[in-house]
């Protein structure tokens, strides 16, 4: 990873952490980020106990906040939701882990 890629990932990580503030419910087990500078894209990966309307609303708000933090010119954002995780020890880390519930 070169310095431009690392800077892109670090900025995305900081923005995601800020966008998530107050939106991590007990339903969320873990959150990871994959940042691809060459594609100007982010993949947000959520591990959750179950998919709910509240979860969908929270993810929409996170995306809205990310867009605002990027000044309206955010990278393309892809969302992946993995449901059915009862404990955090079943999560396989990928990308940069930005949230991981205690066991």
PDB file of N, CA and C in Angstrom:
ATOM      1  N   UNK A   1       0.853  -1.173   0.000  1.00  0.00           N
ATOM      2  CA  UNK A   1       0.000   0.000   0.000  1.00  0.00           C
ATOM      3  C   UNK A   1       0.898   1.236   0.000  1.00  0.00           C
ATOM      4  N   UNK A   2       0.700   2.100  -0.987  1.00  0.00           N
ATOM      5  CA  UNK A   2       1.514   3.315  -1.028  1.00  0.00           C
ATOM      6  C   UNK A   2       0.901   4.396  -0.139  1.00  0.00           C
ATOM      7  N   UNK A   3       1.590   5.516  -0.013  1.00  0.00           N
ATOM      8  CA  UNK A   3       1.161   6.563   0.924  1.00  0.00           C
ATOM      9  C   UNK A   3      -0.175   7.188   0.524  1.00  0.00           C
ATOM     10  N   UNK A   4      -0.456   7.317  -0.782  1.00  0.00           N
ATOM     11  CA  UNK A   4      -1.748   7.867  -1.216  1.00  0.00           C
ATOM     12  C   UNK A   4      -2.896   6.931  -0.834  1.00  0.00           C
ATOM     13  N   UNK A   5      -2.693   5.632  -1.010  1.00  0.00           N
ATOM     14  CA  UNK A   5      -3.718   4.649  -0.640  1.00  0.00           C
ATOM     15  C   UNK A   5      -3.944   4.639   0.863  1.00  0.00           C
ATOM     16  N   UNK A   6      -2.843   4.718   1.612  1.00  0.00           N
ATOM     17  CA  UNK A   6      -2.949   4.732   3.070  1.00  0.00           C
ATOM     18  C   UNK A   6      -3.672   5.993   3.541  1.00  0.00           C
ATOM     19  N   UNK A   7      -3.374   7.128   2.941  1.00  0.00           N
ATOM     20  CA  UNK A   7      -4.043   8.380   3.304  1.00  0.00           C
ATOM     21  C   UNK A   7      -5.546   8.283   2.999  1.00  0.00           C
ATOM     22  N   UNK A   8      -5.892   7.712   1.849  1.00  0.00           N
ATOM     23  CA  UNK A   8      -7.300   7.530   1.471  1.00  0.00           C
ATOM     24  C   UNK A   8      -8.013   6.647   2.492  1.00  0.00           C
ATOM     25  N   UNK A   9      -7.371   5.533   2.873  1.00  0.00           N
ATOM     26  CA  UNK A   9      -7.973   4.624   3.851  1.00  0.00           C
ATOM     27  C   UNK A   9      -8.077   5.257   5.226  1.00  0.00           C
ATOM     28  N   UNK A  10      -7.051   5.978   5.641  1.00  0.00           N
ATOM     29  CA  UNK A  10      -7.090   6.628   6.950  1.00  0.00           C
ATOM     30  C   UNK A  10      -8.198   7.676   7.017  1.00  0.00           C
ATOM     31  N   UNK A  11      -8.335   8.488   5.961  1.00  0.00           N
ATOM     32  CA  UNK A  11      -9.401   9.495   5.929  1.00  0.00           C
ATOM     33  C   UNK A  11     -10.770   8.819   5.982  1.00  0.00           C
ATOM     34  N   UNK A  12     -10.934   7.751   5.206  1.00  0.00           N
ATOM     35  CA  UNK A  12     -12.207   7.026   5.189  1.00  0.00           C
ATOM     36  C   UNK A  12     -12.506   6.436   6.567  1.00  0.00           C
ATOM     37  N   UNK A  13     -11.496   5.902   7.229  1.00  0.00           N
ATOM     38  CA  UNK A  13     -11.682   5.320   8.564  1.00  0.00           C
ATOM     39  C   UNK A  13     -12.126   6.378   9.560  1.00  0.00           C
ATOM     40  N   UNK A  14     -11.442   7.511   9.566  1.00  0.00           N
ATOM     41  CA  UNK A  14     -11.818   8.597  10.490  1.00  0.00           C
ATOM     42  C   UNK A  14     -13.230   9.096  10.211  1.00  0.00           C
ATOM     43  N   UNK A  15     -13.568   9.243   8.938  1.00  0.00           N
ATOM     44  CA  UNK A  15     -14.913   9.702   8.588  1.00  0.00           C
ATOM     45  C   UNK A  15     -15.968   8.683   8.996  1.00  0.00           C
ATOM     46  N   UNK A  16     -15.687   7.402   8.790  1.00  0.00           N
ATOM     47  CA  UNK A  16     -16.647   6.365   9.162  1.00  0.00           C
ATOM     48  C   UNK A  16     -16.858   6.323  10.670  1.00  0.00           C
ATOM     49  N   UNK A  17     -15.781   6.416  11.433  1.00  0.00           N
ATOM     50  CA  UNK A  17     -15.914   6.414  12.895  1.00  0.00           C
ATOM     51  C   UNK A  17     -16.783   7.589  13.327  1.00  0.00           C
ATOM     52  N   UNK A  18     -16.563   8.757  12.755  1.00  0.00           N
ATOM     53  CA  UNK A  18     -17.358   9.930  13.108  1.00  0.00           C
ATOM     54  C   UNK A  18     -18.815   9.753  12.670  1.00  0.00           C
ATOM     55  N   UNK A  19     -19.036   9.209  11.487  1.00  0.00           N
ATOM     56  CA  UNK A  19     -20.399   9.021  10.980  1.00  0.00           C
ATOM     57  C   UNK A  19     -21.187   8.010  11.809  1.00  0.00           C
ATOM     58  N   UNK A  20     -20.501   7.056  12.429  1.00  0.00           N
ATOM     59  CA  UNK A  20     -21.158   6.012  13.226  1.00  0.00           C
ATOM     60  C   UNK A  20     -21.538   6.466  14.625  1.00  0.00           C
ATOM     61  N   UNK A  21     -20.991   7.582  15.082  1.00  0.00           N
ATOM     62  CA  UNK A  21     -21.214   7.996  16.469  1.00  0.00           C
ATOM     63  C   UNK A  21     -22.699   8.021  16.805  1.00  0.00           C
ATOM     64  N   UNK A  22     -23.056   7.319  17.854  1.00  0.00           N
ATOM     65  CA  UNK A  22     -24.433   7.261  18.318  1.00  0.00           C
ATOM     66  C   UNK A  22     -25.314   6.311  17.527  1.00  0.00           C
ATOM     67  N   UNK A  23     -24.762   5.638  16.528  1.00  0.00           N
ATOM     68  CA  UNK A  23     -25.579   4.772  15.685  1.00  0.00           C
ATOM     69  C   UNK A  23     -25.229   3.293  15.813  1.00  0.00           C
ATOM     70  N   UNK A  24     -24.345   2.946  16.714  1.00  0.00           N
ATOM     71  CA  UNK A  24     -24.001   1.539  16.909  1.00  0.00           C
ATOM     72  C   UNK A  24     -24.946   0.963  17.962  1.00  0.00           C
ATOM     73  N   UNK A  25     -25.882   0.154  17.492  1.00  0.00           N
ATOM     74  CA  UNK A  25     -26.854  -0.464  18.403  1.00  0.00           C
ATOM     75  C   UNK A  25     -26.319  -1.816  18.886  1.00  0.00           C
ATOM     76  N   UNK A  26     -27.030  -2.412  19.812  1.00  0.00           N
ATOM     77  CA  UNK A  26     -26.647  -3.730  20.319  1.00  0.00           C
ATOM     78  C   UNK A  26     -26.767  -4.801  19.245  1.00  0.00           C
ATOM     79  N   UNK A  27     -27.483  -4.505  18.168  1.00  0.00           N
ATOM     80  CA  UNK A  27     -27.659  -5.434  17.066  1.00  0.00           C
ATOM     81  C   UNK A  27     -26.382  -5.591  16.239  1.00  0.00           C
ATOM     82  N   UNK A  28     -25.533  -4.581  16.261  1.00  0.00           N
ATOM     83  CA  UNK A  28     -24.321  -4.601  15.446  1.00  0.00           C
ATOM     84  C   UNK A  28     -23.202  -5.301  16.212  1.00  0.00           C
ATOM     85  N   UNK A  29     -22.615  -6.301  15.579  1.00  0.00           N
ATOM     86  CA  UNK A  29     -21.537  -7.078  16.183  1.00  0.00           C
ATOM     87  C   UNK A  29     -20.177  -6.503  15.786  1.00  0.00           C
ATOM     88  N   UNK A  30     -20.037  -6.104  14.512  1.00  0.00           N
ATOM     89  CA  UNK A  30     -18.761  -5.561  14.031  1.00  0.00           C
ATOM     90  C   UNK A  30     -18.996  -4.752  12.756  1.00  0.00           C
ATOM     91  N   UNK A  31     -18.040  -3.852  12.484  1.00  0.00           N
ATOM     92  CA  UNK A  31     -18.062  -3.045  11.256  1.00  0.00           C
ATOM     93  C   UNK A  31     -16.640  -2.980  10.712  1.00  0.00           C
ATOM     94  N   UNK A  32     -16.510  -3.188   9.414  1.00  0.00           N
ATOM     95  CA  UNK A  32     -15.202  -3.089   8.761  1.00  0.00           C
ATOM     96  C   UNK A  32     -15.314  -2.183   7.542  1.00  0.00           C
ATOM     97  N   UNK A  33     -14.158  -1.730   7.094  1.00  0.00           N
ATOM     98  CA  UNK A  33     -14.068  -0.842   5.941  1.00  0.00           C
ATOM     99  C   UNK A  33     -13.022  -1.387   4.979  1.00  0.00           C
ATOM    100  N   UNK A  34     -13.379  -1.430   3.709  1.00  0.00           N
ATOM    101  CA  UNK A  34     -12.406  -1.684   2.648  1.00  0.00           C
ATOM    102  C   UNK A  34     -12.389  -0.439   1.781  1.00  0.00           C
ATOM    103  N   UNK A  35     -11.244   0.199   1.691  1.00  0.00           N
ATOM    104  CA  UNK A  35     -11.106   1.417   0.905  1.00  0.00           C
ATOM    105  C   UNK A  35     -10.249   1.133  -0.314  1.00  0.00           C
ATOM    106  N   UNK A  36     -10.734   1.529  -1.489  1.00  0.00           N
ATOM    107  CA  UNK A  36     -10.001   1.319  -2.735  1.00  0.00           C
ATOM    108  C   UNK A  36      -9.852   2.655  -3.447  1.00  0.00           C
ATOM    109  N   UNK A  37      -8.699   3.259  -3.274  1.00  0.00           N
ATOM    110  CA  UNK A  37      -8.452   4.577  -3.849  1.00  0.00           C
ATOM    111  C   UNK A  37      -8.552   4.555  -5.366  1.00  0.00           C
ATOM    112  N   UNK A  38      -7.979   3.523  -6.002  1.00  0.00           N
ATOM    113  CA  UNK A  38      -7.955   3.473  -7.467  1.00  0.00           C
ATOM    114  C   UNK A  38      -9.362   3.414  -8.056  1.00  0.00           C
ATOM    115  N   UNK A  39     -10.331   2.928  -7.283  1.00  0.00           N
ATOM    116  CA  UNK A  39     -11.730   2.867  -7.728  1.00  0.00           C
ATOM    117  C   UNK A  39     -12.573   3.964  -7.093  1.00  0.00           C
ATOM    118  N   UNK A  40     -11.961   4.779  -6.236  1.00  0.00           N
ATOM    119  CA  UNK A  40     -12.668   5.811  -5.478  1.00  0.00           C
ATOM    120  C   UNK A  40     -13.920   5.210  -4.839  1.00  0.00           C
ATOM    121  N   UNK A  41     -13.698   4.108  -4.095  1.00  0.00           N
ATOM    122  CA  UNK A  41     -14.833   3.409  -3.498  1.00  0.00           C
ATOM    123  C   UNK A  41     -14.533   2.942  -2.086  1.00  0.00           C
ATOM    124  N   UNK A  42     -15.608   2.788  -1.335  1.00  0.00           N
ATOM    125  CA  UNK A  42     -15.557   2.249   0.018  1.00  0.00           C
ATOM    126  C   UNK A  42     -16.556   1.112   0.105  1.00  0.00           C
ATOM    127  N   UNK A  43     -16.184   0.061   0.806  1.00  0.00           N
ATOM    128  CA  UNK A  43     -17.136  -0.991   1.135  1.00  0.00           C
ATOM    129  C   UNK A  43     -17.264  -1.017   2.651  1.00  0.00           C
ATOM    130  N   UNK A  44     -18.481  -0.843   3.131  1.00  0.00           N
ATOM    131  CA  UNK A  44     -18.766  -0.930   4.558  1.00  0.00           C
ATOM    132  C   UNK A  44     -19.365  -2.308   4.805  1.00  0.00           C
ATOM    133  N   UNK A  45     -18.747  -3.054   5.703  1.00  0.00           N
ATOM    134  CA  UNK A  45     -19.175  -4.417   5.982  1.00  0.00           C
ATOM    135  C   UNK A  45     -19.686  -4.471   7.420  1.00  0.00           C
ATOM    136  N   UNK A  46     -20.930  -4.885   7.561  1.00  0.00           N
ATOM    137  CA  UNK A  46     -21.570  -4.978   8.869  1.00  0.00           C
ATOM    138  C   UNK A  46     -21.842  -6.437   9.196  1.00  0.00           C
ATOM    139  N   UNK A  47     -21.540  -6.827  10.424  1.00  0.00           N
ATOM    140  CA  UNK A  47     -21.942  -8.117  10.963  1.00  0.00           C
ATOM    141  C   UNK A  47     -22.981  -7.797  12.025  1.00  0.00           C
ATOM    142  N   UNK A  48     -24.165  -8.393  11.897  1.00  0.00           N
ATOM    143  CA  UNK A  48     -25.266  -8.059  12.795  1.00  0.00           C
ATOM    144  C   UNK A  48     -25.961  -9.329  13.279  1.00  0.00           C
ATOM    145  N   UNK A  49     -26.677  -9.176  14.382  1.00  0.00           N
ATOM    146  CA  UNK A  49     -27.483 -10.295  14.868  1.00  0.00           C
ATOM    147  C   UNK A  49     -28.612 -10.576  13.877  1.00  0.00           C
ATOM    148  N   UNK A  50     -29.311  -9.507  13.463  1.00  0.00           N
ATOM    149  CA  UNK A  50     -30.388  -9.655  12.493  1.00  0.00           C
ATOM    150  C   UNK A  50     -30.613  -8.345  11.747  1.00  0.00           C
ATOM    151  N   UNK A  51     -31.130  -8.466  10.525  1.00  0.00           N
ATOM    152  CA  UNK A  51     -31.480  -7.283   9.741  1.00  0.00           C
ATOM    153  C   UNK A  51     -32.805  -6.739  10.263  1.00  0.00           C
ATOM    154  N   UNK A  52     -32.820  -5.439  10.529  1.00  0.00           N
ATOM    155  CA  UNK A  52     -34.036  -4.786  11.020  1.00  0.00           C
ATOM    156  C   UNK A  52     -34.226  -3.469  10.286  1.00  0.00           C
ATOM    157  N   UNK A  53     -35.418  -2.907  10.397  1.00  0.00           N
ATOM    158  CA  UNK A  53     -35.671  -1.584   9.817  1.00  0.00           C
ATOM    159  C   UNK A  53     -34.787  -0.531  10.474  1.00  0.00           C
ATOM    160  N   UNK A  54     -34.585  -0.665  11.791  1.00  0.00           N
ATOM    161  CA  UNK A  54     -33.730   0.278  12.511  1.00  0.00           C
ATOM    162  C   UNK A  54     -32.302   0.229  11.971  1.00  0.00           C
ATOM    163  N   UNK A  55     -31.807  -0.971  11.703  1.00  0.00           N
ATOM    164  CA  UNK A  55     -30.466  -1.128  11.145  1.00  0.00           C
ATOM    165  C   UNK A  55     -30.374  -0.438   9.789  1.00  0.00           C
ATOM    166  N   UNK A  56     -31.365  -0.677   8.931  1.00  0.00           N
ATOM    167  CA  UNK A  56     -31.376  -0.041   7.603  1.00  0.00           C
ATOM    168  C   UNK A  56     -31.369   1.480   7.730  1.00  0.00           C
ATOM    169  N   UNK A  57     -32.164   2.017   8.661  1.00  0.00           N
ATOM    170  CA  UNK A  57     -32.199   3.467   8.880  1.00  0.00           C
ATOM    171  C   UNK A  57     -30.844   3.974   9.358  1.00  0.00           C
ATOM    172  N   UNK A  58     -30.221   3.247  10.273  1.00  0.00           N
ATOM    173  CA  UNK A  58     -28.913   3.664  10.795  1.00  0.00           C
ATOM    174  C   UNK A  58     -27.856   3.660   9.684  1.00  0.00           C
ATOM    175  N   UNK A  59     -27.884   2.656   8.827  1.00  0.00           N
ATOM    176  CA  UNK A  59     -26.917   2.588   7.733  1.00  0.00           C
ATOM    177  C   UNK A  59     -27.142   3.738   6.756  1.00  0.00           C
ATOM    178  N   UNK A  60     -28.404   4.048   6.463  1.00  0.00           N
ATOM    179  CA  UNK A  60     -28.698   5.197   5.598  1.00  0.00           C
ATOM    180  C   UNK A  60     -28.164   6.493   6.209  1.00  0.00           C
ATOM    181  N   UNK A  61     -28.302   6.626   7.524  1.00  0.00           N
ATOM    182  CA  UNK A  61     -27.805   7.826   8.192  1.00  0.00           C
ATOM    183  C   UNK A  61     -26.276   7.877   8.169  1.00  0.00           C
ATOM    184  N   UNK A  62     -25.634   6.739   8.326  1.00  0.00           N
ATOM    185  CA  UNK A  62     -24.175   6.692   8.237  1.00  0.00           C
ATOM    186  C   UNK A  62     -23.717   7.133   6.850  1.00  0.00           C
ATOM    187  N   UNK A  63     -24.375   6.651   5.810  1.00  0.00           N
ATOM    188  CA  UNK A  63     -24.016   7.037   4.444  1.00  0.00           C
ATOM    189  C   UNK A  63     -24.244   8.528   4.232  1.00  0.00           C
ATOM    190  N   UNK A  64     -25.362   9.036   4.728  1.00  0.00           N
ATOM    191  CA  UNK A  64     -25.648  10.475   4.620  1.00  0.00           C
ATOM    192  C   UNK A  64     -24.553  11.292   5.308  1.00  0.00           C
ATOM    193  N   UNK A  65     -24.191  10.873   6.525  1.00  0.00           N
ATOM    194  CA  UNK A  65     -23.148  11.592   7.272  1.00  0.00           C
ATOM    195  C   UNK A  65     -21.788  11.487   6.580  1.00  0.00           C
ATOM    196  N   UNK A  66     -21.475  10.334   6.016  1.00  0.00           N
ATOM    197  CA  UNK A  66     -20.218  10.192   5.273  1.00  0.00           C
ATOM    198  C   UNK A  66     -20.178  11.153   4.092  1.00  0.00           C
ATOM    199  N   UNK A  67     -21.275  11.223   3.359  1.00  0.00           N
ATOM    200  CA  UNK A  67     -21.351  12.135   2.218  1.00  0.00           C
ATOM    201  C   UNK A  67     -21.122  13.579   2.676  1.00  0.00           C
ATOM    202  N   UNK A  68     -21.718  13.950   3.799  1.00  0.00           N
ATOM    203  CA  UNK A  68     -21.532  15.306   4.333  1.00  0.00           C
ATOM    204  C   UNK A  68     -20.076  15.536   4.744  1.00  0.00           C
ATOM    205  N   UNK A  69     -19.459  14.538   5.364  1.00  0.00           N
ATOM    206  CA  UNK A  69     -18.064  14.684   5.789  1.00  0.00           C
ATOM    207  C   UNK A  69     -17.116  14.814   4.600  1.00  0.00           C
ATOM    208  N   UNK A  70     -17.491  14.243   3.474  1.00  0.00           N
ATOM    209  CA  UNK A  70     -16.690  14.368   2.252  1.00  0.00           C
ATOM    210  C   UNK A  70     -17.092  15.611   1.451  1.00  0.00           C
ATOM    211  N   UNK A  71     -17.942  16.439   1.998  1.00  0.00           N
ATOM    212  CA  UNK A  71     -18.335  17.662   1.315  1.00  0.00           C
ATOM    213  C   UNK A  71     -19.214  17.412   0.103  1.00  0.00           C
ATOM    214  N   UNK A  72     -20.010  16.345   0.154  1.00  0.00           N
ATOM    215  CA  UNK A  72     -20.921  16.045  -0.944  1.00  0.00           C
ATOM    216  C   UNK A  72     -20.281  15.307  -2.102  1.00  0.00           C
ATOM    217  N   UNK A  73     -19.001  15.010  -1.998  1.00  0.00           N
ATOM    218  CA  UNK A  73     -18.308  14.289  -3.064  1.00  0.00           C
ATOM    219  C   UNK A  73     -17.646  13.029  -2.510  1.00  0.00           C
ATOM    220  N   UNK A  74     -18.471  12.197  -1.897  1.00  0.00           N
ATOM    221  CA  UNK A  74     -17.939  10.988  -1.277  1.00  0.00           C
ATOM    222  C   UNK A  74     -17.624   9.941  -2.336  1.00  0.00           C
ATOM    223  N   UNK A  75     -16.728   9.025  -2.002  1.00  0.00           N
ATOM    224  CA  UNK A  75     -16.471   7.894  -2.895  1.00  0.00           C
ATOM    225  C   UNK A  75     -17.751   7.062  -3.047  1.00  0.00           C
ATOM    226  N   UNK A  76     -17.767   6.191  -4.048  1.00  0.00           N
ATOM    227  CA  UNK A  76     -18.858   5.235  -4.189  1.00  0.00           C
ATOM    228  C   UNK A  76     -18.860   4.358  -2.940  1.00  0.00           C
ATOM    229  N   UNK A  77     -20.039   4.126  -2.362  1.00  0.00           N
ATOM    230  CA  UNK A  77     -20.138   3.353  -1.124  1.00  0.00           C
ATOM    231  C   UNK A  77     -20.975   2.107  -1.364  1.00  0.00           C
ATOM    232  N   UNK A  78     -20.371   0.959  -1.108  1.00  0.00           N
ATOM    233  CA  UNK A  78     -21.064  -0.328  -1.196  1.00  0.00           C
ATOM    234  C   UNK A  78     -21.285  -0.833   0.221  1.00  0.00           C
ATOM    235  N   UNK A  79     -22.445  -1.398   0.467  1.00  0.00           N
ATOM    236  CA  UNK A  79     -22.789  -1.922   1.788  1.00  0.00           C
ATOM    237  C   UNK A  79     -22.924  -3.446   1.715  1.00  0.00           C
ATOM    238  N   UNK A  80     -22.304  -4.132   2.652  1.00  0.00           N
ATOM    239  CA  UNK A  80     -22.470  -5.572   2.796  1.00  0.00           C
ATOM    240  C   UNK A  80     -22.939  -5.836   4.222  1.00  0.00           C
ATOM    241  N   UNK A  81     -24.038  -6.572   4.353  1.00  0.00           N
ATOM    242  CA  UNK A  81     -24.571  -6.899   5.676  1.00  0.00           C
ATOM    243  C   UNK A  81     -24.565  -8.412   5.837  1.00  0.00           C
ATOM    244  N   UNK A  82     -23.864  -8.871   6.855  1.00  0.00           N
ATOM    245  CA  UNK A  82     -23.812 -10.290   7.207  1.00  0.00           C
ATOM    246  C   UNK A  82     -24.647 -10.471   8.468  1.00  0.00           C
ATOM    247  N   UNK A  83     -25.742 -11.204   8.372  1.00  0.00           N
ATOM    248  CA  UNK A  83     -26.611 -11.357   9.540  1.00  0.00           C
ATOM    249  C   UNK A  83     -26.511 -12.764  10.112  1.00  0.00           C
ATOM    250  N   UNK A  84     -27.009 -12.899  11.326  1.00  0.00           N
ATOM    251  CA  UNK A  84     -27.022 -14.194  11.990  1.00  0.00           C
ATOM    252  C   UNK A  84     -25.833 -14.413  12.909  1.00  0.00           C
ATOM    253  N   UNK A  85     -25.083 -13.359  13.211  1.00  0.00           N
ATOM    254  CA  UNK A  85     -23.927 -13.482  14.105  1.00  0.00           C
ATOM    255  C   UNK A  85     -24.381 -13.252  15.537  1.00  0.00           C
ATOM    256  N   UNK A  86     -24.224 -14.252  16.359  1.00  0.00           N
ATOM    257  CA  UNK A  86     -24.656 -14.141  17.747  1.00  0.00           C
ATOM    258  C   UNK A  86     -23.546 -13.617  18.661  1.00  0.00           C
ATOM    259  N   UNK A  87     -22.295 -13.888  18.305  1.00  0.00           N
ATOM    260  CA  UNK A  87     -21.173 -13.425  19.119  1.00  0.00           C
ATOM    261  C   UNK A  87     -20.072 -12.884  18.215  1.00  0.00           C
ATOM    262  N   UNK A  88     -19.277 -11.987  18.758  1.00  0.00           N
ATOM    263  CA  UNK A  88     -18.233 -11.340  17.968  1.00  0.00           C
ATOM    264  C   UNK A  88     -17.074 -12.278  17.625  1.00  0.00           C
ATOM    265  N   UNK A  89     -16.923 -13.391  18.359  1.00  0.00           N
ATOM    266  CA  UNK A  89     -15.810 -14.291  18.071  1.00  0.00           C
ATOM    267  C   UNK A  89     -16.023 -15.084  16.778  1.00  0.00           C
ATOM    268  N   UNK A  90     -17.200 -15.001  16.173  1.00  0.00           N
ATOM    269  CA  UNK A  90     -17.468 -15.679  14.904  1.00  0.00           C
ATOM    270  C   UNK A  90     -17.154 -14.795  13.695  1.00  0.00           C
ATOM    271  N   UNK A  91     -16.808 -13.530  13.944  1.00  0.00           N
ATOM    272  CA  UNK A  91     -16.504 -12.590  12.866  1.00  0.00           C
ATOM    273  C   UNK A  91     -15.081 -12.825  12.372  1.00  0.00           C
ATOM    274  N   UNK A  92     -14.933 -12.979  11.076  1.00  0.00           N
ATOM    275  CA  UNK A  92     -13.603 -13.087  10.469  1.00  0.00           C
ATOM    276  C   UNK A  92     -13.181 -11.694  10.016  1.00  0.00           C
ATOM    277  N   UNK A  93     -12.088 -11.158  10.565  1.00  0.00           N
ATOM    278  CA  UNK A  93     -11.689  -9.804  10.212  1.00  0.00           C
ATOM    279  C   UNK A  93     -11.367  -9.670   8.719  1.00  0.00           C
ATOM    280  N   UNK A  94     -11.732  -8.528   8.187  1.00  0.00           N
ATOM    281  CA  UNK A  94     -11.387  -8.212   6.804  1.00  0.00           C
ATOM    282  C   UNK A  94     -11.299  -6.705   6.674  1.00  0.00           C
ATOM    283  N   UNK A  95     -10.483  -6.235   5.764  1.00  0.00           N
ATOM    284  CA  UNK A  95     -10.323  -4.792   5.630  1.00  0.00           C
ATOM    285  C   UNK A  95      -9.832  -4.201   6.935  1.00  0.00           C
ATOM    286  N   UNK A  96     -10.256  -3.000   7.207  1.00  0.00           N
ATOM    287  CA  UNK A  96      -9.911  -2.358   8.475  1.00  0.00           C
ATOM    288  C   UNK A  96     -11.113  -2.422   9.394  1.00  0.00           C
ATOM    289  N   UNK A  97     -10.964  -3.116  10.492  1.00  0.00           N
ATOM    290  CA  UNK A  97     -12.040  -3.243  11.468  1.00  0.00           C
ATOM    291  C   UNK A  97     -12.148  -1.917  12.227  1.00  0.00           C
ATOM    292  N   UNK A  98     -13.345  -1.321  12.213  1.00  0.00           N
ATOM    293  CA  UNK A  98     -13.523  -0.033  12.897  1.00  0.00           C
ATOM    294  C   UNK A  98     -14.427  -0.150  14.108  1.00  0.00           C
ATOM    295  N   UNK A  99     -15.105  -1.278  14.237  1.00  0.00           N
ATOM    296  CA  UNK A  99     -15.903  -1.544  15.438  1.00  0.00           C
ATOM    297  C   UNK A  99     -15.980  -3.050  15.610  1.00  0.00           C
ATOM    298  N   UNK A 100     -15.813  -3.507  16.854  1.00  0.00           N
ATOM    299  CA  UNK A 100     -15.936  -4.918  17.151  1.00  0.00           C
ATOM    300  C   UNK A 100     -16.446  -5.022  18.585  1.00  0.00           C
ATOM    301  N   UNK A 101     -17.662  -5.536  18.751  1.00  0.00           N
ATOM    302  CA  UNK A 101     -18.250  -5.658  20.081  1.00  0.00           C
ATOM    303  C   UNK A 101     -17.442  -6.604  20.948  1.00  0.00           C
ATOM    304  N   UNK A 102     -17.456  -6.338  22.226  1.00  0.00           N
ATOM    305  CA  UNK A 102     -16.797  -7.258  23.162  1.00  0.00           C
ATOM    306  C   UNK A 102     -17.542  -8.579  23.155  1.00  0.00           C
ATOM    307  N   UNK A 103     -16.812  -9.645  23.448  1.00  0.00           N
ATOM    308  CA  UNK A 103     -17.416 -10.985  23.475  1.00  0.00           C
ATOM    309  C   UNK A 103     -18.422 -11.120  24.581  1.00  0.00           C
TER     310      UNK A 103
END
